N, C-alpha and C. Protein backbone atom coordinates (compact mmCIF):
# COMPACT_ATOMS: atom_id res chain seq x y z
N MET A 1 129.68 78.33 108.81
CA MET A 1 130.22 77.25 108.09
C MET A 1 131.14 76.14 109.20
N LYS A 2 132.25 77.12 109.36
CA LYS A 2 133.46 77.15 109.67
C LYS A 2 133.06 76.77 111.32
N LYS A 3 131.89 77.98 111.90
CA LYS A 3 131.56 77.65 113.62
C LYS A 3 131.14 76.38 113.64
N LEU A 4 130.76 75.85 112.62
CA LEU A 4 130.52 74.20 112.86
C LEU A 4 131.48 72.95 112.73
N LEU A 5 132.54 73.27 111.91
CA LEU A 5 133.80 72.86 111.90
C LEU A 5 134.43 73.33 113.14
N SER A 6 134.51 74.17 114.38
CA SER A 6 134.50 74.39 115.43
C SER A 6 134.09 73.91 116.38
N LEU A 7 132.79 73.68 115.97
CA LEU A 7 132.19 73.34 117.41
C LEU A 7 131.94 71.41 117.60
N ILE A 8 132.04 70.89 116.30
CA ILE A 8 133.03 69.85 115.83
C ILE A 8 134.58 69.76 116.85
N ALA A 9 135.13 69.83 115.97
CA ALA A 9 136.60 69.81 117.14
C ALA A 9 136.86 70.40 118.07
N ALA A 10 135.45 71.13 118.72
CA ALA A 10 135.52 71.12 119.77
C ALA A 10 135.54 70.05 120.69
N LEU A 11 134.26 69.04 119.49
CA LEU A 11 133.56 68.02 120.68
C LEU A 11 134.32 66.93 120.51
N LEU A 12 135.03 66.34 119.56
CA LEU A 12 136.01 65.55 119.44
C LEU A 12 136.79 65.48 120.40
N VAL A 13 137.67 66.59 120.98
CA VAL A 13 138.83 67.32 121.53
C VAL A 13 138.05 66.58 123.76
N LEU A 14 136.25 67.08 123.11
CA LEU A 14 136.22 66.75 124.62
C LEU A 14 136.28 65.18 124.99
N ALA A 15 135.59 64.78 124.27
CA ALA A 15 135.16 63.26 123.84
C ALA A 15 136.88 62.68 124.40
N ALA A 16 137.87 63.01 123.45
CA ALA A 16 138.85 62.39 123.61
C ALA A 16 139.67 62.17 125.42
N THR A 17 139.15 63.47 125.72
CA THR A 17 139.91 64.24 126.81
C THR A 17 139.11 63.10 127.77
N LEU A 18 137.69 62.82 128.14
CA LEU A 18 137.20 62.04 128.54
C LEU A 18 137.13 60.80 128.59
N ALA A 19 137.77 60.10 127.55
CA ALA A 19 138.10 58.49 127.10
C ALA A 19 139.20 58.91 127.65
N ALA A 20 140.02 59.41 127.57
CA ALA A 20 141.72 59.30 128.62
C ALA A 20 141.55 59.51 129.76
N PHE A 21 140.62 60.14 130.41
CA PHE A 21 140.64 60.47 131.97
C PHE A 21 138.90 59.59 132.56
N TRP A 22 138.88 58.46 131.23
CA TRP A 22 137.65 57.43 132.04
C TRP A 22 138.51 56.04 132.42
N PRO A 23 137.24 55.80 133.32
CA PRO A 23 137.55 54.43 133.23
C PRO A 23 137.79 53.62 131.95
N VAL A 24 138.77 52.69 131.72
CA VAL A 24 138.40 51.73 130.70
C VAL A 24 138.04 51.13 130.27
N GLU A 25 137.59 50.16 131.79
CA GLU A 25 136.83 49.22 131.98
C GLU A 25 135.97 49.73 133.05
N PRO A 26 134.24 50.46 133.37
CA PRO A 26 133.42 50.57 134.06
C PRO A 26 133.06 49.02 134.61
N ALA A 27 132.46 49.11 135.31
CA ALA A 27 132.03 47.57 135.83
C ALA A 27 130.46 48.06 135.33
N PRO A 28 130.09 47.06 134.20
CA PRO A 28 128.65 46.29 133.28
C PRO A 28 127.84 46.85 134.52
N GLN A 29 126.49 46.82 134.21
CA GLN A 29 125.35 47.13 135.61
C GLN A 29 124.75 45.51 135.48
N LYS A 30 125.06 44.86 133.74
CA LYS A 30 124.46 43.48 134.04
C LYS A 30 125.45 42.33 133.34
N THR A 31 125.58 41.83 133.42
CA THR A 31 126.36 40.91 132.15
C THR A 31 125.70 39.87 131.33
N VAL A 32 125.32 39.71 130.73
CA VAL A 32 124.65 38.89 129.19
C VAL A 32 125.44 37.86 128.96
N PRO A 33 125.88 37.00 128.79
CA PRO A 33 126.18 35.96 128.18
C PRO A 33 126.13 35.87 126.44
N PRO A 34 127.12 35.68 125.79
CA PRO A 34 127.19 35.71 124.14
C PRO A 34 126.14 34.86 123.70
N ARG A 35 125.49 33.26 123.90
CA ARG A 35 124.56 32.83 123.39
C ARG A 35 123.32 33.58 123.70
N ASP A 36 123.12 34.42 124.78
CA ASP A 36 122.04 34.68 124.38
C ASP A 36 121.03 36.09 123.21
N LEU A 37 122.63 36.61 122.78
CA LEU A 37 122.67 37.22 121.81
C LEU A 37 121.72 36.47 121.03
N THR A 38 122.57 35.63 120.49
CA THR A 38 122.39 34.73 118.94
C THR A 38 121.15 34.40 118.99
N SER A 39 120.70 34.45 120.14
CA SER A 39 118.74 33.32 120.15
C SER A 39 117.96 34.46 119.34
């Protein structure tokens, strides 16, 4: 069980590190107007 918790903790740290260095707003592949989502 401790190994699983350690793995999850390591993944959280990795995700936080990637999020810190990743571009905040990467260029979207395609832009979809909000009105198309409600139709």
